[in-house]
Amino acid sequence: MNANHNKHIVRRYFEEVLLDGRCDLVDELFASEICELVKRYAFFEAELFSISSVISEGNTVMVHWHKSPLADEQASQNGFAVFHLADGKIIGLEMIDFNGILRQIGEEVLY
């Protein structure tokens, strides 16, 4: 698959699964080995979540994302997700939440 098609698959995951709650699409977008794991963790508050940019090269797609704070949270979240694709399906992903990392090491996050 080409880089643009891979970007389309990843955008569908963010927009249709995470934002629209279409968990039924996980089986279509992900390799069968990781579908259950993805279904377990596929959640975001749609109105508070946005994609800043999507970059793709070959079978790797990187998304820079931002999530505004919920009413009981003090800080927003932002980070990157790196997706690995093969044969038109996502076969692996890595998610990095920068503010979460800072909080884990005891730093105060104020935005």
N, C-alpha and C. Protein backbone atom coordinates (compact mmCIF):
# COMPACT_ATOMS: atom_id res chain seq x y z
N MET A 1 0.84 -1.18 0.00
CA MET A 1 0.00 0.00 0.00
C MET A 1 0.88 1.24 0.00
N ASN A 2 0.38 2.31 -0.57
CA ASN A 2 1.18 3.53 -0.58
C ASN A 2 0.93 4.35 0.68
N ALA A 3 1.79 5.35 0.89
CA ALA A 3 1.75 6.16 2.11
C ALA A 3 0.41 6.88 2.27
N ASN A 4 -0.18 7.38 1.20
CA ASN A 4 -1.47 8.07 1.31
C ASN A 4 -2.59 7.13 1.72
N HIS A 5 -2.58 5.93 1.21
CA HIS A 5 -3.60 4.95 1.62
C HIS A 5 -3.43 4.61 3.09
N ASN A 6 -2.20 4.45 3.54
CA ASN A 6 -1.94 4.17 4.96
C ASN A 6 -2.43 5.31 5.84
N LYS A 7 -2.21 6.56 5.42
CA LYS A 7 -2.72 7.71 6.17
C LYS A 7 -4.24 7.65 6.26
N HIS A 8 -4.88 7.27 5.18
CA HIS A 8 -6.34 7.17 5.16
C HIS A 8 -6.83 6.14 6.19
N ILE A 9 -6.17 5.01 6.28
CA ILE A 9 -6.55 3.96 7.23
C ILE A 9 -6.42 4.49 8.66
N VAL A 10 -5.32 5.15 8.97
CA VAL A 10 -5.10 5.67 10.31
C VAL A 10 -6.09 6.79 10.64
N ARG A 11 -6.34 7.67 9.69
CA ARG A 11 -7.35 8.73 9.90
C ARG A 11 -8.73 8.11 10.19
N ARG A 12 -9.06 7.04 9.49
CA ARG A 12 -10.34 6.37 9.75
C ARG A 12 -10.39 5.88 11.19
N TYR A 13 -9.28 5.35 11.70
CA TYR A 13 -9.25 4.90 13.10
C TYR A 13 -9.54 6.06 14.03
N PHE A 14 -8.84 7.18 13.85
CA PHE A 14 -9.05 8.33 14.72
C PHE A 14 -10.45 8.91 14.57
N GLU A 15 -10.87 9.15 13.34
CA GLU A 15 -12.13 9.85 13.10
C GLU A 15 -13.36 8.98 13.29
N GLU A 16 -13.32 7.76 12.79
CA GLU A 16 -14.52 6.92 12.83
C GLU A 16 -14.60 6.06 14.08
N VAL A 17 -13.47 5.52 14.53
CA VAL A 17 -13.50 4.66 15.72
C VAL A 17 -13.43 5.50 16.98
N LEU A 18 -12.36 6.31 17.13
CA LEU A 18 -12.18 7.06 18.37
C LEU A 18 -13.20 8.18 18.53
N LEU A 19 -13.42 8.95 17.48
CA LEU A 19 -14.30 10.11 17.62
C LEU A 19 -15.78 9.78 17.45
N ASP A 20 -16.10 8.86 16.53
CA ASP A 20 -17.50 8.52 16.28
C ASP A 20 -17.97 7.28 17.04
N GLY A 21 -17.05 6.61 17.74
CA GLY A 21 -17.42 5.44 18.52
C GLY A 21 -17.74 4.20 17.69
N ARG A 22 -17.23 4.12 16.47
CA ARG A 22 -17.51 2.98 15.59
C ARG A 22 -16.54 1.83 15.84
N CYS A 23 -16.64 1.21 17.01
CA CYS A 23 -15.74 0.10 17.36
C CYS A 23 -15.92 -1.09 16.43
N ASP A 24 -17.02 -1.15 15.70
CA ASP A 24 -17.23 -2.24 14.74
C ASP A 24 -16.22 -2.19 13.59
N LEU A 25 -15.56 -1.06 13.39
CA LEU A 25 -14.58 -0.93 12.31
C LEU A 25 -13.19 -1.43 12.70
N VAL A 26 -12.97 -1.72 13.98
CA VAL A 26 -11.65 -2.17 14.42
C VAL A 26 -11.23 -3.41 13.66
N ASP A 27 -12.13 -4.36 13.46
CA ASP A 27 -11.79 -5.60 12.74
C ASP A 27 -11.38 -5.33 11.29
N GLU A 28 -11.92 -4.28 10.71
CA GLU A 28 -11.59 -3.91 9.33
C GLU A 28 -10.24 -3.20 9.23
N LEU A 29 -9.89 -2.42 10.23
CA LEU A 29 -8.71 -1.57 10.16
C LEU A 29 -7.45 -2.20 10.77
N PHE A 30 -7.62 -3.16 11.69
CA PHE A 30 -6.49 -3.73 12.42
C PHE A 30 -6.30 -5.21 12.10
N ALA A 31 -5.06 -5.65 12.23
CA ALA A 31 -4.76 -7.07 12.10
C ALA A 31 -5.47 -7.82 13.23
N SER A 32 -5.90 -9.02 12.95
CA SER A 32 -6.71 -9.78 13.92
C SER A 32 -6.00 -9.98 15.25
N GLU A 33 -4.66 -10.04 15.24
CA GLU A 33 -3.90 -10.30 16.47
C GLU A 33 -4.04 -9.18 17.50
N ILE A 34 -4.36 -7.97 17.08
CA ILE A 34 -4.42 -6.87 18.03
C ILE A 34 -5.81 -6.25 18.17
N CYS A 35 -6.80 -6.79 17.51
CA CYS A 35 -8.15 -6.21 17.55
C CYS A 35 -8.71 -6.10 18.96
N GLU A 36 -8.61 -7.14 19.76
CA GLU A 36 -9.19 -7.11 21.10
C GLU A 36 -8.52 -6.06 21.98
N LEU A 37 -7.21 -5.94 21.87
CA LEU A 37 -6.49 -4.94 22.63
C LEU A 37 -6.94 -3.54 22.24
N VAL A 38 -7.09 -3.29 20.95
CA VAL A 38 -7.52 -1.98 20.46
C VAL A 38 -8.94 -1.68 20.94
N LYS A 39 -9.83 -2.64 20.89
CA LYS A 39 -11.21 -2.43 21.35
C LYS A 39 -11.25 -2.07 22.83
N ARG A 40 -10.36 -2.64 23.59
CA ARG A 40 -10.32 -2.37 25.03
C ARG A 40 -9.91 -0.93 25.33
N TYR A 41 -9.06 -0.34 24.50
CA TYR A 41 -8.53 0.98 24.78
C TYR A 41 -8.98 2.06 23.80
N ALA A 42 -9.94 1.79 22.96
CA ALA A 42 -10.38 2.75 21.95
C ALA A 42 -11.44 3.69 22.53
N PHE A 43 -10.97 4.75 23.18
CA PHE A 43 -11.90 5.73 23.71
C PHE A 43 -11.25 7.10 23.77
N PHE A 44 -12.03 8.11 23.52
CA PHE A 44 -11.67 9.51 23.68
C PHE A 44 -12.97 10.27 23.78
N GLU A 45 -12.94 11.45 24.36
CA GLU A 45 -14.11 12.32 24.36
C GLU A 45 -14.09 13.08 23.03
N ALA A 46 -14.99 12.75 22.14
CA ALA A 46 -14.94 13.25 20.77
C ALA A 46 -14.85 14.77 20.67
N GLU A 47 -15.63 15.47 21.43
CA GLU A 47 -15.65 16.92 21.29
C GLU A 47 -14.38 17.58 21.81
N LEU A 48 -13.53 16.84 22.49
CA LEU A 48 -12.34 17.40 23.10
C LEU A 48 -11.05 16.96 22.40
N PHE A 49 -11.14 16.23 21.33
CA PHE A 49 -9.99 15.58 20.72
C PHE A 49 -9.75 16.13 19.32
N SER A 50 -8.48 16.36 18.97
CA SER A 50 -8.20 16.82 17.61
C SER A 50 -6.87 16.27 17.13
N ILE A 51 -6.74 16.18 15.83
CA ILE A 51 -5.51 15.75 15.18
C ILE A 51 -4.80 16.98 14.66
N SER A 52 -3.55 17.15 15.05
CA SER A 52 -2.77 18.31 14.59
C SER A 52 -2.13 18.04 13.24
N SER A 53 -1.55 16.84 13.07
CA SER A 53 -0.92 16.52 11.80
C SER A 53 -0.77 15.01 11.65
N VAL A 54 -0.67 14.59 10.39
CA VAL A 54 -0.47 13.17 10.05
C VAL A 54 0.67 13.12 9.05
N ILE A 55 1.67 12.33 9.35
CA ILE A 55 2.83 12.18 8.47
C ILE A 55 3.00 10.70 8.16
N SER A 56 3.26 10.39 6.91
CA SER A 56 3.38 9.00 6.51
C SER A 56 4.58 8.80 5.61
N GLU A 57 5.27 7.70 5.86
CA GLU A 57 6.35 7.28 4.98
C GLU A 57 6.34 5.76 4.93
N GLY A 58 6.15 5.24 3.75
CA GLY A 58 6.10 3.79 3.61
C GLY A 58 4.97 3.19 4.43
N ASN A 59 5.30 2.23 5.27
CA ASN A 59 4.30 1.53 6.08
C ASN A 59 4.20 2.09 7.49
N THR A 60 4.71 3.29 7.71
CA THR A 60 4.64 3.92 9.03
C THR A 60 3.89 5.24 8.92
N VAL A 61 2.94 5.46 9.86
CA VAL A 61 2.17 6.70 9.91
C VAL A 61 2.28 7.26 11.31
N MET A 62 2.57 8.56 11.41
CA MET A 62 2.65 9.22 12.71
C MET A 62 1.59 10.30 12.80
N VAL A 63 0.90 10.33 13.93
CA VAL A 63 -0.16 11.30 14.16
C VAL A 63 0.21 12.12 15.40
N HIS A 64 0.15 13.45 15.27
CA HIS A 64 0.29 14.33 16.42
C HIS A 64 -1.13 14.69 16.84
N TRP A 65 -1.49 14.38 18.09
CA TRP A 65 -2.85 14.59 18.57
C TRP A 65 -2.87 15.49 19.79
N HIS A 66 -4.06 16.05 20.06
CA HIS A 66 -4.26 16.94 21.20
C HIS A 66 -5.64 16.66 21.79
N LYS A 67 -5.72 16.59 23.10
CA LYS A 67 -6.99 16.38 23.80
C LYS A 67 -7.13 17.46 24.86
N SER A 68 -8.19 18.25 24.76
CA SER A 68 -8.46 19.29 25.75
C SER A 68 -8.84 18.64 27.07
N PRO A 69 -8.65 19.35 28.19
CA PRO A 69 -8.96 18.74 29.49
C PRO A 69 -10.46 18.57 29.71
N LEU A 70 -10.80 17.51 30.43
CA LEU A 70 -12.18 17.32 30.89
C LEU A 70 -12.41 18.26 32.07
N ALA A 71 -13.64 18.36 32.53
CA ALA A 71 -13.98 19.29 33.61
C ALA A 71 -13.15 19.05 34.87
N ASP A 72 -12.85 17.81 35.19
CA ASP A 72 -12.12 17.50 36.42
C ASP A 72 -10.60 17.40 36.21
N GLU A 73 -10.13 17.69 35.02
CA GLU A 73 -8.69 17.65 34.73
C GLU A 73 -8.15 19.07 34.65
N GLN A 74 -6.89 19.23 35.04
CA GLN A 74 -6.28 20.55 34.99
C GLN A 74 -5.55 20.81 33.68
N ALA A 75 -5.05 19.79 33.04
CA ALA A 75 -4.20 20.00 31.87
C ALA A 75 -4.71 19.23 30.66
N SER A 76 -4.36 19.75 29.50
CA SER A 76 -4.65 19.04 28.26
C SER A 76 -3.64 17.92 28.09
N GLN A 77 -3.87 17.11 27.11
CA GLN A 77 -2.92 16.05 26.75
C GLN A 77 -2.52 16.26 25.31
N ASN A 78 -1.29 15.95 24.99
CA ASN A 78 -0.89 15.94 23.60
C ASN A 78 0.23 14.93 23.46
N GLY A 79 0.33 14.40 22.26
CA GLY A 79 1.35 13.39 22.05
C GLY A 79 1.36 12.92 20.61
N PHE A 80 2.02 11.79 20.44
CA PHE A 80 2.16 11.20 19.13
C PHE A 80 1.72 9.75 19.18
N ALA A 81 1.19 9.28 18.08
CA ALA A 81 0.91 7.86 17.91
C ALA A 81 1.61 7.43 16.62
N VAL A 82 2.33 6.34 16.70
CA VAL A 82 3.03 5.80 15.54
C VAL A 82 2.38 4.47 15.19
N PHE A 83 1.92 4.36 13.95
CA PHE A 83 1.23 3.17 13.48
C PHE A 83 2.09 2.45 12.45
N HIS A 84 2.09 1.14 12.54
CA HIS A 84 2.79 0.30 11.57
C HIS A 84 1.73 -0.50 10.82
N LEU A 85 1.82 -0.50 9.48
CA LEU A 85 0.81 -1.13 8.65
C LEU A 85 1.42 -2.17 7.73
N ALA A 86 0.60 -3.15 7.39
CA ALA A 86 0.98 -4.16 6.39
C ALA A 86 -0.30 -4.67 5.75
N ASP A 87 -0.29 -4.84 4.46
CA ASP A 87 -1.44 -5.37 3.72
C ASP A 87 -2.73 -4.63 4.01
N GLY A 88 -2.65 -3.30 4.16
CA GLY A 88 -3.85 -2.50 4.35
C GLY A 88 -4.45 -2.53 5.73
N LYS A 89 -3.70 -3.05 6.72
CA LYS A 89 -4.21 -3.10 8.10
C LYS A 89 -3.13 -2.61 9.05
N ILE A 90 -3.57 -2.07 10.17
CA ILE A 90 -2.66 -1.64 11.21
C ILE A 90 -2.21 -2.88 11.97
N ILE A 91 -0.90 -3.08 12.05
CA ILE A 91 -0.38 -4.28 12.72
C ILE A 91 0.27 -3.94 14.06
N GLY A 92 0.46 -2.66 14.33
CA GLY A 92 1.04 -2.26 15.60
C GLY A 92 0.94 -0.77 15.78
N LEU A 93 0.93 -0.33 17.04
CA LEU A 93 0.91 1.10 17.30
C LEU A 93 1.60 1.39 18.62
N GLU A 94 2.14 2.60 18.69
CA GLU A 94 2.80 3.09 19.90
C GLU A 94 2.22 4.47 20.17
N MET A 95 1.76 4.71 21.40
CA MET A 95 1.16 5.99 21.76
C MET A 95 2.02 6.65 22.82
N ILE A 96 2.34 7.93 22.62
CA ILE A 96 3.14 8.69 23.56
C ILE A 96 2.34 9.91 23.99
N ASP A 97 2.03 10.01 25.28
CA ASP A 97 1.32 11.14 25.86
C ASP A 97 2.34 11.97 26.64
N PHE A 98 2.75 13.11 26.09
CA PHE A 98 3.81 13.91 26.71
C PHE A 98 3.44 14.39 28.10
N ASN A 99 2.24 14.91 28.27
CA ASN A 99 1.84 15.42 29.57
C ASN A 99 1.73 14.30 30.59
N GLY A 100 1.29 13.13 30.16
CA GLY A 100 1.22 11.97 31.05
C GLY A 100 2.60 11.58 31.55
N ILE A 101 3.58 11.63 30.68
CA ILE A 101 4.96 11.32 31.07
C ILE A 101 5.46 12.34 32.08
N LEU A 102 5.20 13.62 31.82
CA LEU A 102 5.63 14.66 32.76
C LEU A 102 4.99 14.47 34.14
N ARG A 103 3.69 14.15 34.16
CA ARG A 103 3.02 13.93 35.44
C ARG A 103 3.60 12.73 36.18
N GLN A 104 3.97 11.69 35.44
CA GLN A 104 4.53 10.50 36.08
C GLN A 104 5.88 10.77 36.74
N ILE A 105 6.62 11.73 36.23
CA ILE A 105 7.91 12.04 36.84
C ILE A 105 7.81 13.20 37.82
N GLY A 106 6.57 13.63 38.11
CA GLY A 106 6.36 14.63 39.15
C GLY A 106 6.38 16.06 38.70
N GLU A 107 6.36 16.31 37.40
CA GLU A 107 6.33 17.68 36.89
C GLU A 107 4.89 18.19 36.82
N GLU A 108 4.70 19.46 37.09
CA GLU A 108 3.38 20.05 37.01
C GLU A 108 3.12 20.50 35.57
N VAL A 109 1.95 20.15 35.05
CA VAL A 109 1.57 20.51 33.69
C VAL A 109 0.43 21.52 33.80
N LEU A 110 0.63 22.71 33.26
CA LEU A 110 -0.33 23.80 33.49
C LEU A 110 -1.08 24.31 32.27
N TYR A 111 -1.10 23.62 31.15
CA TYR A 111 -1.85 24.16 30.02
C TYR A 111 -2.84 23.17 29.52
